[in-house]
Amino acid sequence: MSENLDQFDIKLNEELQNLQECQKNKNLDSCLKCENIMECELRKGYVKAVYESMNKGQGGDFEF
């Protein structure tokens, strides 16, 4: 992995770590198996970070 991470990639990595820790704590290998998937703020934060990393903050929003 490149050491030249921008603020969006750093945020994405942080959100991914939070999500993976939650999955580990619940003994899950996927959010799809979690009963709280639709209300989960961690997952929403991760999805938002993915979108922002893809567009590098250049506008738009992502609703799901």
PDB file of N, CA and C in Angstrom:
ATOM      1  N   MET A   1       0.839  -1.178   0.000  1.00  0.00           N
ATOM      2  CA  MET A   1       0.000   0.000   0.000  1.00  0.00           C
ATOM      3  C   MET A   1       0.880   1.236   0.000  1.00  0.00           C
ATOM      4  N   SER A   2       0.467   2.254  -0.715  1.00  0.00           N
ATOM      5  CA  SER A   2       1.233   3.478  -0.822  1.00  0.00           C
ATOM      6  C   SER A   2       1.215   4.247   0.496  1.00  0.00           C
ATOM      7  N   GLU A   3       2.326   4.881   0.770  1.00  0.00           N
ATOM      8  CA  GLU A   3       2.420   5.702   1.973  1.00  0.00           C
ATOM      9  C   GLU A   3       1.892   7.110   1.734  1.00  0.00           C
ATOM     10  N   ASN A   4       1.487   7.433   0.515  1.00  0.00           N
ATOM     11  CA  ASN A   4       0.988   8.754   0.166  1.00  0.00           C
ATOM     12  C   ASN A   4      -0.533   8.802   0.264  1.00  0.00           C
ATOM     13  N   LEU A   5      -1.031   8.627   1.453  1.00  0.00           N
ATOM     14  CA  LEU A   5      -2.474   8.625   1.659  1.00  0.00           C
ATOM     15  C   LEU A   5      -2.968  10.048   1.850  1.00  0.00           C
ATOM     16  N   ASP A   6      -4.104  10.370   1.226  1.00  0.00           N
ATOM     17  CA  ASP A   6      -4.709  11.672   1.457  1.00  0.00           C
ATOM     18  C   ASP A   6      -5.711  11.551   2.604  1.00  0.00           C
ATOM     19  N   GLN A   7      -6.315  12.670   2.955  1.00  0.00           N
ATOM     20  CA  GLN A   7      -7.240  12.686   4.094  1.00  0.00           C
ATOM     21  C   GLN A   7      -8.410  11.731   3.894  1.00  0.00           C
ATOM     22  N   PHE A   8      -8.828  11.531   2.665  1.00  0.00           N
ATOM     23  CA  PHE A   8      -9.956  10.647   2.381  1.00  0.00           C
ATOM     24  C   PHE A   8      -9.582   9.183   2.572  1.00  0.00           C
ATOM     25  N   ASP A   9      -8.388   8.827   2.149  1.00  0.00           N
ATOM     26  CA  ASP A   9      -7.918   7.453   2.334  1.00  0.00           C
ATOM     27  C   ASP A   9      -7.658   7.152   3.805  1.00  0.00           C
ATOM     28  N   ILE A  10      -7.152   8.128   4.530  1.00  0.00           N
ATOM     29  CA  ILE A  10      -6.921   7.947   5.967  1.00  0.00           C
ATOM     30  C   ILE A  10      -8.248   7.712   6.677  1.00  0.00           C
ATOM     31  N   LYS A  11      -9.251   8.517   6.346  1.00  0.00           N
ATOM     32  CA  LYS A  11     -10.581   8.363   6.940  1.00  0.00           C
ATOM     33  C   LYS A  11     -11.172   6.999   6.570  1.00  0.00           C
ATOM     34  N   LEU A  12     -10.987   6.589   5.338  1.00  0.00           N
ATOM     35  CA  LEU A  12     -11.491   5.289   4.901  1.00  0.00           C
ATOM     36  C   LEU A  12     -10.854   4.165   5.705  1.00  0.00           C
ATOM     37  N   ASN A  13      -9.555   4.220   5.893  1.00  0.00           N
ATOM     38  CA  ASN A  13      -8.865   3.194   6.679  1.00  0.00           C
ATOM     39  C   ASN A  13      -9.363   3.164   8.121  1.00  0.00           C
ATOM     40  N   GLU A  14      -9.602   4.333   8.700  1.00  0.00           N
ATOM     41  CA  GLU A  14     -10.120   4.398  10.076  1.00  0.00           C
ATOM     42  C   GLU A  14     -11.503   3.765  10.161  1.00  0.00           C
ATOM     43  N   GLU A  15     -12.368   4.109   9.217  1.00  0.00           N
ATOM     44  CA  GLU A  15     -13.731   3.565   9.213  1.00  0.00           C
ATOM     45  C   GLU A  15     -13.713   2.051   8.989  1.00  0.00           C
ATOM     46  N   LEU A  16     -12.827   1.582   8.126  1.00  0.00           N
ATOM     47  CA  LEU A  16     -12.712   0.156   7.882  1.00  0.00           C
ATOM     48  C   LEU A  16     -12.272  -0.580   9.141  1.00  0.00           C
ATOM     49  N   GLN A  17     -11.308  -0.029   9.839  1.00  0.00           N
ATOM     50  CA  GLN A  17     -10.850  -0.651  11.087  1.00  0.00           C
ATOM     51  C   GLN A  17     -11.982  -0.721  12.109  1.00  0.00           C
ATOM     52  N   ASN A  18     -12.759   0.360  12.233  1.00  0.00           N
ATOM     53  CA  ASN A  18     -13.895   0.370  13.162  1.00  0.00           C
ATOM     54  C   ASN A  18     -14.911  -0.702  12.789  1.00  0.00           C
ATOM     55  N   LEU A  19     -15.197  -0.804  11.503  1.00  0.00           N
ATOM     56  CA  LEU A  19     -16.168  -1.787  11.026  1.00  0.00           C
ATOM     57  C   LEU A  19     -15.680  -3.207  11.282  1.00  0.00           C
ATOM     58  N   GLN A  20     -14.423  -3.477  10.974  1.00  0.00           N
ATOM     59  CA  GLN A  20     -13.869  -4.811  11.182  1.00  0.00           C
ATOM     60  C   GLN A  20     -13.821  -5.173  12.659  1.00  0.00           C
ATOM     61  N   GLU A  21     -13.553  -4.202  13.511  1.00  0.00           N
ATOM     62  CA  GLU A  21     -13.551  -4.466  14.952  1.00  0.00           C
ATOM     63  C   GLU A  21     -14.949  -4.836  15.429  1.00  0.00           C
ATOM     64  N   CYS A  22     -15.943  -4.140  14.923  1.00  0.00           N
ATOM     65  CA  CYS A  22     -17.331  -4.455  15.283  1.00  0.00           C
ATOM     66  C   CYS A  22     -17.687  -5.866  14.830  1.00  0.00           C
ATOM     67  N   GLN A  23     -17.331  -6.209  13.601  1.00  0.00           N
ATOM     68  CA  GLN A  23     -17.608  -7.552  13.092  1.00  0.00           C
ATOM     69  C   GLN A  23     -16.921  -8.602  13.958  1.00  0.00           C
ATOM     70  N   LYS A  24     -15.691  -8.350  14.317  1.00  0.00           N
ATOM     71  CA  LYS A  24     -14.944  -9.288  15.156  1.00  0.00           C
ATOM     72  C   LYS A  24     -15.625  -9.459  16.510  1.00  0.00           C
ATOM     73  N   ASN A  25     -16.050  -8.341  17.113  1.00  0.00           N
ATOM     74  CA  ASN A  25     -16.708  -8.395  18.421  1.00  0.00           C
ATOM     75  C   ASN A  25     -18.024  -9.167  18.381  1.00  0.00           C
ATOM     76  N   LYS A  26     -18.672  -9.157  17.222  1.00  0.00           N
ATOM     77  CA  LYS A  26     -19.945  -9.863  17.065  1.00  0.00           C
ATOM     78  C   LYS A  26     -19.759 -11.237  16.426  1.00  0.00           C
ATOM     79  N   ASN A  27     -18.503 -11.641  16.225  1.00  0.00           N
ATOM     80  CA  ASN A  27     -18.195 -12.920  15.579  1.00  0.00           C
ATOM     81  C   ASN A  27     -18.860 -13.063  14.212  1.00  0.00           C
ATOM     82  N   LEU A  28     -18.772 -11.992  13.426  1.00  0.00           N
ATOM     83  CA  LEU A  28     -19.334 -11.980  12.080  1.00  0.00           C
ATOM     84  C   LEU A  28     -18.218 -11.755  11.070  1.00  0.00           C
ATOM     85  N   ASP A  29     -18.398 -12.281   9.873  1.00  0.00           N
ATOM     86  CA  ASP A  29     -17.434 -12.015   8.813  1.00  0.00           C
ATOM     87  C   ASP A  29     -18.004 -11.064   7.763  1.00  0.00           C
ATOM     88  N   SER A  30     -19.212 -10.566   8.005  1.00  0.00           N
ATOM     89  CA  SER A  30     -19.862  -9.649   7.076  1.00  0.00           C
ATOM     90  C   SER A  30     -20.956  -8.878   7.796  1.00  0.00           C
ATOM     91  N   CYS A  31     -21.119  -7.633   7.431  1.00  0.00           N
ATOM     92  CA  CYS A  31     -22.219  -6.837   7.977  1.00  0.00           C
ATOM     93  C   CYS A  31     -23.572  -7.374   7.527  1.00  0.00           C
ATOM     94  N   LEU A  32     -23.590  -8.052   6.395  1.00  0.00           N
ATOM     95  CA  LEU A  32     -24.852  -8.569   5.875  1.00  0.00           C
ATOM     96  C   LEU A  32     -25.485  -9.586   6.809  1.00  0.00           C
ATOM     97  N   LYS A  33     -24.695 -10.156   7.684  1.00  0.00           N
ATOM     98  CA  LYS A  33     -25.204 -11.144   8.634  1.00  0.00           C
ATOM     99  C   LYS A  33     -25.665 -10.515   9.944  1.00  0.00           C
ATOM    100  N   CYS A  34     -25.493  -9.211  10.080  1.00  0.00           N
ATOM    101  CA  CYS A  34     -25.835  -8.512  11.322  1.00  0.00           C
ATOM    102  C   CYS A  34     -27.293  -8.060  11.296  1.00  0.00           C
ATOM    103  N   GLU A  35     -27.965  -8.258  12.402  1.00  0.00           N
ATOM    104  CA  GLU A  35     -29.377  -7.877  12.487  1.00  0.00           C
ATOM    105  C   GLU A  35     -29.563  -6.360  12.500  1.00  0.00           C
ATOM    106  N   ASN A  36     -28.505  -5.597  12.762  1.00  0.00           N
ATOM    107  CA  ASN A  36     -28.604  -4.134  12.841  1.00  0.00           C
ATOM    108  C   ASN A  36     -28.089  -3.430  11.587  1.00  0.00           C
ATOM    109  N   ILE A  37     -27.963  -4.146  10.503  1.00  0.00           N
ATOM    110  CA  ILE A  37     -27.334  -3.582   9.300  1.00  0.00           C
ATOM    111  C   ILE A  37     -28.020  -2.298   8.807  1.00  0.00           C
ATOM    112  N   MET A  38     -29.309  -2.232   8.862  1.00  0.00           N
ATOM    113  CA  MET A  38     -30.025  -1.072   8.319  1.00  0.00           C
ATOM    114  C   MET A  38     -29.907   0.168   9.198  1.00  0.00           C
ATOM    115  N   GLU A  39     -29.642  -0.004  10.478  1.00  0.00           N
ATOM    116  CA  GLU A  39     -29.541   1.123  11.398  1.00  0.00           C
ATOM    117  C   GLU A  39     -28.111   1.424  11.815  1.00  0.00           C
ATOM    118  N   CYS A  40     -27.164   0.697  11.316  1.00  0.00           N
ATOM    119  CA  CYS A  40     -25.797   0.756  11.816  1.00  0.00           C
ATOM    120  C   CYS A  40     -25.071   2.032  11.377  1.00  0.00           C
ATOM    121  N   GLU A  41     -24.711   2.859  12.345  1.00  0.00           N
ATOM    122  CA  GLU A  41     -23.992   4.089  12.061  1.00  0.00           C
ATOM    123  C   GLU A  41     -22.551   3.814  11.629  1.00  0.00           C
ATOM    124  N   LEU A  42     -21.936   2.752  12.160  1.00  0.00           N
ATOM    125  CA  LEU A  42     -20.578   2.397  11.736  1.00  0.00           C
ATOM    126  C   LEU A  42     -20.550   2.071  10.247  1.00  0.00           C
ATOM    127  N   ARG A  43     -21.494   1.290   9.812  1.00  0.00           N
ATOM    128  CA  ARG A  43     -21.540   0.904   8.393  1.00  0.00           C
ATOM    129  C   ARG A  43     -21.857   2.113   7.522  1.00  0.00           C
ATOM    130  N   LYS A  44     -22.766   2.962   7.968  1.00  0.00           N
ATOM    131  CA  LYS A  44     -23.076   4.175   7.203  1.00  0.00           C
ATOM    132  C   LYS A  44     -21.837   5.060   7.075  1.00  0.00           C
ATOM    133  N   GLY A  45     -21.074   5.173   8.165  1.00  0.00           N
ATOM    134  CA  GLY A  45     -19.838   5.950   8.127  1.00  0.00           C
ATOM    135  C   GLY A  45     -18.821   5.364   7.174  1.00  0.00           C
ATOM    136  N   TYR A  46     -18.733   4.045   7.138  1.00  0.00           N
ATOM    137  CA  TYR A  46     -17.814   3.367   6.234  1.00  0.00           C
ATOM    138  C   TYR A  46     -18.221   3.597   4.778  1.00  0.00           C
ATOM    139  N   VAL A  47     -19.495   3.431   4.475  1.00  0.00           N
ATOM    140  CA  VAL A  47     -19.975   3.621   3.108  1.00  0.00           C
ATOM    141  C   VAL A  47     -19.724   5.059   2.668  1.00  0.00           C
ATOM    142  N   LYS A  48     -19.971   6.008   3.555  1.00  0.00           N
ATOM    143  CA  LYS A  48     -19.719   7.415   3.234  1.00  0.00           C
ATOM    144  C   LYS A  48     -18.231   7.645   2.977  1.00  0.00           C
ATOM    145  N   ALA A  49     -17.366   7.046   3.783  1.00  0.00           N
ATOM    146  CA  ALA A  49     -15.922   7.194   3.604  1.00  0.00           C
ATOM    147  C   ALA A  49     -15.470   6.582   2.285  1.00  0.00           C
ATOM    148  N   VAL A  50     -16.071   5.463   1.887  1.00  0.00           N
ATOM    149  CA  VAL A  50     -15.746   4.846   0.588  1.00  0.00           C
ATOM    150  C   VAL A  50     -16.102   5.818  -0.530  1.00  0.00           C
ATOM    151  N   TYR A  51     -17.294   6.370  -0.470  1.00  0.00           N
ATOM    152  CA  TYR A  51     -17.734   7.295  -1.508  1.00  0.00           C
ATOM    153  C   TYR A  51     -16.835   8.525  -1.562  1.00  0.00           C
ATOM    154  N   GLU A  52     -16.516   9.093  -0.405  1.00  0.00           N
ATOM    155  CA  GLU A  52     -15.664  10.278  -0.370  1.00  0.00           C
ATOM    156  C   GLU A  52     -14.256   9.968  -0.860  1.00  0.00           C
ATOM    157  N   SER A  53     -13.765   8.778  -0.585  1.00  0.00           N
ATOM    158  CA  SER A  53     -12.453   8.380  -1.072  1.00  0.00           C
ATOM    159  C   SER A  53     -12.465   8.242  -2.589  1.00  0.00           C
ATOM    160  N   MET A  54     -13.571   7.781  -3.125  1.00  0.00           N
ATOM    161  CA  MET A  54     -13.673   7.618  -4.575  1.00  0.00           C
ATOM    162  C   MET A  54     -13.752   8.963  -5.291  1.00  0.00           C
ATOM    163  N   ASN A  55     -14.499   9.917  -4.732  1.00  0.00           N
ATOM    164  CA  ASN A  55     -14.660  11.199  -5.432  1.00  0.00           C
ATOM    165  C   ASN A  55     -13.759  12.295  -4.871  1.00  0.00           C
ATOM    166  N   LYS A  56     -12.963  11.952  -3.851  1.00  0.00           N
ATOM    167  CA  LYS A  56     -11.995  12.874  -3.250  1.00  0.00           C
ATOM    168  C   LYS A  56     -12.627  14.208  -2.852  1.00  0.00           C
ATOM    169  N   GLY A  57     -13.877  14.145  -2.394  1.00  0.00           N
ATOM    170  CA  GLY A  57     -14.554  15.338  -1.902  1.00  0.00           C
ATOM    171  C   GLY A  57     -14.996  16.310  -2.970  1.00  0.00           C
ATOM    172  N   GLN A  58     -15.105  15.852  -4.201  1.00  0.00           N
ATOM    173  CA  GLN A  58     -15.429  16.737  -5.311  1.00  0.00           C
ATOM    174  C   GLN A  58     -16.927  16.872  -5.570  1.00  0.00           C
ATOM    175  N   GLY A  59     -17.707  16.735  -4.536  1.00  0.00           N
ATOM    176  CA  GLY A  59     -19.128  17.029  -4.693  1.00  0.00           C
ATOM    177  C   GLY A  59     -20.006  15.806  -4.697  1.00  0.00           C
ATOM    178  N   GLY A  60     -21.274  16.104  -4.650  1.00  0.00           N
ATOM    179  CA  GLY A  60     -22.250  15.036  -4.635  1.00  0.00           C
ATOM    180  C   GLY A  60     -22.416  14.466  -3.245  1.00  0.00           C
ATOM    181  N   ASP A  61     -23.371  13.610  -3.131  1.00  0.00           N
ATOM    182  CA  ASP A  61     -23.657  12.951  -1.878  1.00  0.00           C
ATOM    183  C   ASP A  61     -24.101  11.549  -2.230  1.00  0.00           C
ATOM    184  N   PHE A  62     -24.169  10.733  -1.219  1.00  0.00           N
ATOM    185  CA  PHE A  62     -24.527   9.342  -1.449  1.00  0.00           C
ATOM    186  C   PHE A  62     -25.609   8.961  -0.471  1.00  0.00           C
ATOM    187  N   GLU A  63     -26.755   8.606  -0.983  1.00  0.00           N
ATOM    188  CA  GLU A  63     -27.882   8.183  -0.155  1.00  0.00           C
ATOM    189  C   GLU A  63     -28.079   6.701  -0.348  1.00  0.00           C
ATOM    190  N   PHE A  64     -28.289   5.984   0.757  1.00  0.00           N
ATOM    191  CA  PHE A  64     -28.562   4.557   0.666  1.00  0.00           C
ATOM    192  C   PHE A  64     -29.569   4.182   1.694  1.00  0.00           C
TER     193      PHE A  64
END
